[in-house]
């Protein structure tokens, strides 16, 4: 455990310099903040609220880096498995920084909408639909935040974030990060370069930064058609069991060189329903692991490894996990 007195001093200094509404909890169980509903305590859980978020986060990240205190940035908790031992240092929850950050600006024939990082992916799709704008329908029903979706280059229904992303606002907290003339040190606006994105990958995964906002180029559409597509996606997710039990959606990335999706490979090996402790391969989909009741993070990790091992033994294919195992795994 990181010394909590040190953390308190960091938080107090940040508050004095940039007062901000906060949810501040020590030894907070991360099971309350992930879609898998597993995970041990964070040494310190911090959720800045409202418009003070960017300044407070900038100060916190730089102070923690100088002190050597680790900071884990939490989005919607939708693609992670937190260790049963929890997370050392500070967990910075971005879900208090939500809503539209801007509207307007033409990119081709589309109208740009910008959302703050903590906005849920589903809410962003709803706001675009309410404005009569098409392009974010594929996010309907998706768990997680806009910041996480950009970081992961979220993809479904043959669409991905990079298809519509125009600009990302980030807080660069690397040693040389910064931008003269910006409101706070390290806040940058990064134009989208689709070539820098890949399947479930973004350039931000290898950069010490916090995604603050994302701008999207959308097109005017027919309200009923937009809504119909969104509802079709939600029904499809429900039919595949995404909401039936705590889970994180797809466990493994799909690899086109395998000739079929990871879920189909697992299905063909008869592994639906395979269980370790409270973790189970979903009875309705081979590429989803569920918390069937009382699962530990260790159960989910063990089952993920077991699936990968059985697929490799049977086919030679090496499945790559899409979910991230974070925190203190000893």
Protein backbone atom coordinates (compact mmCIF):
# COMPACT_ATOMS: atom_id res chain seq x y z
CA UNK A 1 0.00 0.00 0.00
CA UNK A 2 1.23 3.49 -0.84
CA UNK A 3 1.56 5.71 2.22
CA UNK A 4 -1.83 7.40 2.51
CA UNK A 5 -0.42 10.38 4.39
CA UNK A 6 1.65 11.18 1.29
CA UNK A 7 -1.45 10.89 -0.86
CA UNK A 8 -3.37 13.21 1.48
CA UNK A 9 -0.64 15.81 1.16
CA UNK A 10 -0.80 15.61 -2.63
CA UNK A 11 -4.60 15.92 -2.68
CA UNK A 12 -4.57 18.81 -0.18
CA UNK A 13 -1.98 20.71 -2.22
CA UNK A 14 -4.01 20.23 -5.41
CA UNK A 15 -7.16 21.43 -3.67
CA UNK A 16 -5.47 24.56 -2.37
CA UNK A 17 -4.19 25.47 -5.83
CA UNK A 18 -7.24 24.36 -7.84
CA UNK A 19 -10.33 23.99 -5.60
CA UNK A 20 -12.68 21.41 -7.00
CA UNK A 21 -15.66 19.38 -5.87
CA UNK A 22 -14.38 15.91 -5.02
CA UNK A 23 -15.49 12.46 -4.12
CA UNK A 24 -12.52 11.26 -2.09
CA UNK A 25 -12.47 7.79 -0.54
CA UNK A 26 -9.59 5.80 0.91
CA UNK A 27 -9.55 2.00 0.56
CA UNK A 28 -12.46 2.12 -1.89
CA UNK A 29 -13.44 -1.31 -3.33
CA UNK A 30 -13.01 -1.19 -7.11
CA UNK A 31 -15.77 -3.77 -7.51
CA UNK A 32 -18.13 -0.79 -7.19
CA UNK A 33 -16.59 0.87 -10.27
CA UNK A 34 -16.18 -1.91 -12.85
CA UNK A 35 -18.70 -3.71 -15.04
CA UNK A 36 -17.32 -7.09 -13.91
CA UNK A 37 -18.13 -6.12 -10.29
CA UNK A 38 -14.79 -7.43 -9.03
CA UNK A 39 -11.67 -5.78 -7.67
CA UNK A 40 -10.06 -5.00 -4.34
CA UNK A 41 -9.50 -1.60 -2.74
CA UNK A 42 -7.81 1.43 -4.25
CA UNK A 43 -5.48 3.15 -1.81
CA UNK A 44 -7.20 6.40 -2.77
CA UNK A 45 -10.17 6.92 -5.08
CA UNK A 46 -10.59 10.48 -6.38
CA UNK A 47 -13.46 11.72 -8.53
CA UNK A 48 -13.19 15.44 -9.42
CA UNK A 49 -16.58 16.98 -10.19
CA UNK A 50 -17.66 19.70 -12.58
CA UNK A 51 -15.72 22.30 -14.49
CA UNK A 52 -12.75 22.20 -12.14
CA UNK A 53 -11.79 18.78 -13.47
CA UNK A 54 -9.06 19.74 -16.03
CA UNK A 55 -7.11 22.06 -13.74
CA UNK A 56 -7.32 19.71 -10.76
CA UNK A 57 -6.38 16.66 -12.85
CA UNK A 58 -3.42 18.47 -14.40
CA UNK A 59 -2.10 19.47 -10.99
CA UNK A 60 -2.73 16.02 -9.51
CA UNK A 61 -0.98 14.10 -12.28
CA UNK A 62 2.11 16.27 -12.17
CA UNK A 63 2.29 16.25 -8.37
CA UNK A 64 1.86 12.47 -8.19
CA UNK A 65 4.51 11.95 -10.87
CA UNK A 66 6.97 14.16 -8.96
CA UNK A 67 6.23 12.22 -5.77
CA UNK A 68 6.50 8.82 -7.41
CA UNK A 69 2.91 7.95 -6.52
CA UNK A 70 1.19 5.88 -9.23
CA UNK A 71 -2.08 7.12 -10.72
CA UNK A 72 -4.55 4.86 -12.53
CA UNK A 73 -7.00 6.66 -14.81
CA UNK A 74 -10.47 5.13 -14.65
CA UNK A 75 -13.05 5.56 -17.39
CA UNK A 76 -16.28 3.60 -17.31
CA UNK A 77 -14.62 0.49 -15.85
CA UNK A 78 -15.96 -1.50 -18.80
CA UNK A 79 -12.88 -3.21 -20.19
CA UNK A 80 -10.83 -3.98 -17.10
CA UNK A 81 -10.38 -6.61 -14.42
CA UNK A 82 -8.99 -5.11 -11.22
CA UNK A 83 -6.94 -7.45 -9.05
CA UNK A 84 -8.45 -8.77 -5.83
CA UNK A 85 -5.56 -6.97 -4.10
CA UNK A 86 -6.77 -3.68 -5.56
CA UNK A 87 -4.83 -0.77 -7.03
CA UNK A 88 -1.90 0.94 -5.38
CA UNK A 89 -1.72 4.71 -5.30
CA UNK A 90 -4.46 6.97 -6.68
CA UNK A 91 -7.39 6.05 -8.90
CA UNK A 92 -8.52 9.12 -10.84
CA UNK A 93 -12.14 8.63 -11.89
CA UNK A 94 -13.07 10.67 -14.98
CA UNK A 95 -16.83 10.06 -14.78
CA UNK A 96 -17.42 13.46 -13.17
CA UNK A 97 -16.37 15.26 -16.39
CA UNK A 98 -19.34 14.73 -18.69
CA UNK A 99 -21.48 16.32 -21.37
CA UNK A 100 -20.83 18.27 -24.52
CA UNK A 101 -17.61 20.26 -24.56
CA UNK A 102 -18.47 22.06 -27.78
CA UNK A 103 -20.64 22.13 -30.85
CA UNK A 104 -20.08 23.47 -34.33
CA UNK A 105 -17.30 23.55 -36.87
CA UNK A 106 -17.55 21.95 -40.24
CA UNK A 107 -15.53 18.91 -41.29
CA UNK A 108 -16.54 18.04 -44.85
CA UNK A 109 -20.32 17.84 -44.79
CA UNK A 110 -20.53 16.91 -41.10
CA UNK A 111 -21.23 18.88 -38.00
CA UNK A 112 -18.70 18.40 -35.20
CA UNK A 113 -19.77 17.47 -31.69
CA UNK A 114 -17.24 17.32 -28.86
CA UNK A 115 -17.81 15.32 -25.68
CA UNK A 116 -15.96 15.34 -22.38
CA UNK A 117 -14.10 12.16 -21.56
CA UNK A 118 -16.39 10.95 -18.77
CA UNK A 119 -19.50 11.02 -20.95
CA UNK A 120 -20.83 7.51 -21.42
CA UNK A 121 -20.63 6.15 -24.95
CA UNK A 122 -24.37 5.52 -24.91
CA UNK A 123 -25.11 9.11 -23.79
CA UNK A 124 -22.95 10.48 -26.61
CA UNK A 125 -24.96 8.45 -29.13
CA UNK A 126 -28.18 9.75 -27.56
CA UNK A 127 -27.05 13.38 -27.71
CA UNK A 128 -26.03 13.03 -31.35
CA UNK A 129 -29.38 11.43 -32.18
CA UNK A 130 -31.27 14.22 -30.37
CA UNK A 131 -29.41 16.71 -32.58
CA UNK A 132 -30.41 14.76 -35.70
CA UNK A 133 -26.82 13.74 -36.38
CA UNK A 134 -25.69 10.35 -37.64
CA UNK A 135 -22.36 8.61 -37.07
CA UNK A 136 -22.38 7.45 -33.44
CA UNK A 137 -25.20 4.92 -33.67
CA UNK A 138 -22.71 2.05 -33.22
CA UNK A 139 -22.05 3.27 -29.67
CA UNK A 140 -25.67 2.75 -28.57
CA UNK A 141 -25.76 0.38 -25.64
CA UNK A 142 -21.98 0.21 -25.37
CA UNK A 143 -20.73 0.35 -21.77
CA UNK A 144 -17.85 2.63 -20.89
CA UNK A 145 -16.89 6.23 -21.46
CA UNK A 146 -15.94 8.32 -24.47
CA UNK A 147 -12.41 8.66 -23.12
CA UNK A 148 -12.08 4.89 -22.87
CA UNK A 149 -13.66 4.40 -26.29
CA UNK A 150 -11.08 6.69 -27.89
CA UNK A 151 -8.20 5.11 -25.95
CA UNK A 152 -9.32 1.65 -27.12
CA UNK A 153 -10.52 2.75 -30.58
CA UNK A 154 -13.78 1.01 -29.70
CA UNK A 155 -15.23 -0.99 -32.56
CA UNK A 156 -18.50 -2.78 -33.25
CA UNK A 157 -21.00 -3.26 -36.06
CA UNK A 158 -18.25 -2.64 -38.65
CA UNK A 159 -17.59 0.85 -37.30
CA UNK A 160 -14.87 2.24 -35.05
CA UNK A 161 -14.08 5.47 -33.25
CA UNK A 162 -11.34 6.39 -35.74
CA UNK A 163 -13.97 6.53 -38.51
CA UNK A 164 -15.55 9.65 -37.03
CA UNK A 165 -12.92 11.13 -34.70
CA UNK A 166 -11.62 14.55 -35.72
CA UNK A 167 -9.70 15.76 -32.67
CA UNK A 168 -8.75 14.58 -29.19
CA UNK A 169 -8.08 16.88 -26.25
CA UNK A 170 -5.43 15.37 -24.00
CA UNK A 171 -3.49 16.22 -20.89
CA UNK A 172 0.10 15.18 -21.60
CA UNK A 173 1.89 14.45 -18.33
CA UNK A 174 5.14 13.15 -19.79
CA UNK A 175 8.36 14.79 -18.67
CA UNK A 176 8.42 17.11 -21.68
CA UNK A 177 4.64 17.39 -22.11
CA UNK A 178 3.17 20.84 -22.35
CA UNK A 179 1.98 23.54 -24.63
CA UNK A 180 2.70 27.22 -24.27
CA UNK A 181 -0.36 29.41 -24.26
CA UNK A 182 -2.77 26.68 -23.16
CA UNK A 183 -5.01 27.15 -20.14
CA UNK A 184 -3.14 24.50 -18.13
CA UNK A 185 0.31 22.96 -18.68
CA UNK A 186 0.23 19.91 -20.91
CA UNK A 187 -3.24 20.32 -22.41
CA UNK A 188 -3.01 19.65 -26.13
CA UNK A 189 -5.41 19.27 -29.04
CA UNK A 190 -4.40 16.35 -31.22
CA UNK A 191 -5.86 16.21 -34.77
CA UNK A 192 -7.07 12.73 -35.67
CA UNK A 193 -4.83 10.70 -37.95
CA UNK A 194 -6.64 7.50 -38.87
CA UNK A 195 -3.37 5.89 -39.94
CA UNK A 196 -2.23 6.08 -36.30
CA UNK A 197 -5.17 3.92 -35.20
CA UNK A 198 -5.60 0.19 -35.61
CA UNK A 199 -7.91 -2.61 -34.60
CA UNK A 200 -8.74 -1.84 -30.95
CA UNK A 201 -5.60 0.34 -30.79
CA UNK A 202 -4.94 4.07 -30.55
CA UNK A 203 -1.79 6.21 -30.36
CA UNK A 204 -2.76 7.16 -26.81
CA UNK A 205 -2.08 3.66 -25.48
CA UNK A 206 1.66 4.32 -25.66
CA UNK A 207 1.58 7.88 -24.41
CA UNK A 208 1.43 9.12 -20.78
CA UNK A 209 -1.70 11.19 -21.13
CA UNK A 210 -5.26 11.67 -19.96
CA UNK A 211 -7.88 11.97 -22.69
CA UNK A 212 -10.03 14.99 -21.80
CA UNK A 213 -12.37 15.25 -24.78
CA UNK A 214 -13.09 13.92 -28.24
CA UNK A 215 -14.54 15.66 -31.29
CA UNK A 216 -16.54 13.79 -33.91
CA UNK A 217 -17.53 14.66 -37.46
CA UNK A 218 -21.16 13.64 -37.91
CA UNK A 219 -23.71 14.01 -40.68
CA UNK A 220 -27.32 15.16 -40.67
CA UNK A 221 -29.63 12.18 -40.66
CA UNK A 222 -33.27 11.17 -40.37
CA UNK A 223 -34.25 10.96 -36.72
CA UNK A 224 -36.34 7.81 -37.05
CA UNK A 225 -33.63 5.97 -39.00
CA UNK A 226 -30.97 6.95 -36.45
CA UNK A 227 -33.17 5.76 -33.57
CA UNK A 228 -34.07 2.51 -35.33
CA UNK A 229 -30.40 1.64 -35.84
CA UNK A 230 -29.56 2.45 -32.23
CA UNK A 231 -32.38 0.33 -30.89
CA UNK A 232 -31.36 -2.55 -33.18
CA UNK A 233 -27.86 -2.45 -31.70
CA UNK A 234 -29.21 -2.40 -28.15
CA UNK A 235 -31.48 -5.37 -28.88
CA UNK A 236 -28.56 -7.26 -30.41
CA UNK A 237 -26.37 -6.64 -27.36
CA UNK A 238 -29.17 -7.76 -25.09
CA UNK A 239 -29.75 -10.91 -27.16
CA UNK A 240 -26.06 -11.77 -26.88
CA UNK A 241 -26.26 -11.52 -23.09
CA UNK A 242 -24.22 -8.36 -22.59
CA UNK A 243 -26.50 -7.13 -19.82
CA UNK A 244 -27.58 -10.39 -18.24
CA UNK A 245 -24.60 -10.74 -15.92
CA UNK A 246 -21.66 -8.53 -14.95
CA UNK A 247 -19.10 -8.76 -17.75
CA UNK A 248 -16.78 -6.68 -19.91
CA UNK A 249 -18.06 -7.72 -23.32
CA UNK A 250 -15.57 -9.40 -25.62
CA UNK A 251 -12.65 -11.05 -23.83
CA UNK A 252 -10.37 -11.64 -26.82
CA UNK A 253 -9.58 -9.57 -29.88
CA UNK A 254 -10.62 -10.97 -33.23
CA UNK A 255 -7.78 -11.87 -35.57
CA UNK A 256 -8.71 -12.01 -39.25
CA UNK A 257 -5.86 -14.39 -40.02
CA UNK A 258 -7.70 -17.04 -37.99
CA UNK A 259 -10.52 -17.01 -40.55
CA UNK A 260 -13.28 -16.70 -37.97
CA UNK A 261 -14.09 -14.65 -34.85
CA UNK A 262 -12.58 -15.66 -31.52
CA UNK A 263 -16.04 -16.40 -30.14
CA UNK A 264 -16.77 -18.89 -32.93
CA UNK A 265 -13.45 -20.67 -32.35
CA UNK A 266 -14.28 -21.02 -28.64
CA UNK A 267 -17.82 -22.17 -29.47
CA UNK A 268 -16.59 -24.84 -31.87
CA UNK A 269 -14.41 -26.29 -29.12
CA UNK A 270 -17.49 -26.67 -26.93
CA UNK A 271 -16.24 -24.27 -24.27
CA UNK A 272 -19.42 -22.29 -23.64
CA UNK A 273 -20.33 -22.67 -19.99
CA UNK A 274 -16.80 -23.55 -18.88
CA UNK A 275 -16.39 -22.28 -15.33
CA UNK A 276 -13.65 -21.50 -12.83
CA UNK A 277 -14.98 -20.34 -9.47
CA UNK A 278 -17.61 -17.66 -10.09
CA UNK A 279 -16.32 -16.88 -13.59
CA UNK A 280 -18.02 -18.59 -16.52
CA UNK A 281 -17.90 -18.50 -20.30
CA UNK A 282 -21.31 -17.07 -21.16
CA UNK A 283 -23.78 -19.77 -22.19
CA UNK A 284 -24.90 -17.53 -25.06
CA UNK A 285 -21.51 -16.36 -26.44
CA UNK A 286 -18.04 -17.91 -26.48
CA UNK A 287 -16.14 -14.63 -26.33
CA UNK A 288 -17.81 -13.28 -23.20
CA UNK A 289 -16.86 -14.21 -19.65
CA UNK A 290 -19.44 -13.41 -17.01
CA UNK A 291 -19.42 -13.01 -13.26
CA UNK A 292 -21.96 -15.75 -12.64
CA UNK A 293 -22.04 -14.93 -8.95
CA UNK A 294 -19.33 -14.31 -6.40
CA UNK A 295 -16.49 -14.34 -8.91
CA UNK A 296 -13.05 -13.14 -7.88
CA UNK A 297 -10.78 -11.29 -10.26
CA UNK A 298 -8.43 -14.28 -10.03
CA UNK A 299 -11.23 -16.53 -11.34
CA UNK A 300 -11.69 -14.32 -14.41
CA UNK A 301 -7.96 -14.20 -15.08
CA UNK A 302 -7.64 -17.97 -14.67
CA UNK A 303 -10.56 -18.65 -17.01
CA UNK A 304 -9.14 -16.25 -19.62
CA UNK A 305 -5.84 -18.13 -19.49
CA UNK A 306 -7.58 -21.50 -19.66
CA UNK A 307 -9.52 -20.50 -22.78
CA UNK A 308 -6.38 -19.23 -24.48
CA UNK A 309 -4.49 -22.41 -23.59
CA UNK A 310 -7.22 -24.72 -24.88
CA UNK A 311 -7.60 -22.79 -28.14
CA UNK A 312 -3.84 -22.85 -28.71
CA UNK A 313 -3.63 -26.58 -27.98
CA UNK A 314 -6.50 -27.38 -30.35
CA UNK A 315 -5.82 -24.94 -33.20
CA UNK A 316 -2.41 -23.35 -32.74
CA UNK A 317 -4.06 -19.93 -32.63
CA UNK A 318 -2.84 -17.51 -29.94
CA UNK A 319 -5.77 -15.48 -28.65
CA UNK A 320 -4.94 -11.95 -27.48
CA UNK A 321 -6.98 -10.67 -24.53
CA UNK A 322 -8.91 -7.48 -25.15
CA UNK A 323 -9.75 -6.95 -21.50
CA UNK A 324 -7.00 -5.40 -19.37
CA UNK A 325 -5.84 -6.92 -16.07
CA UNK A 326 -4.90 -3.98 -13.89
CA UNK A 327 -3.84 -3.30 -10.33
CA UNK A 328 -1.71 -5.29 -7.90
CA UNK A 329 -1.47 -8.88 -9.09
CA UNK A 330 1.47 -9.64 -6.80
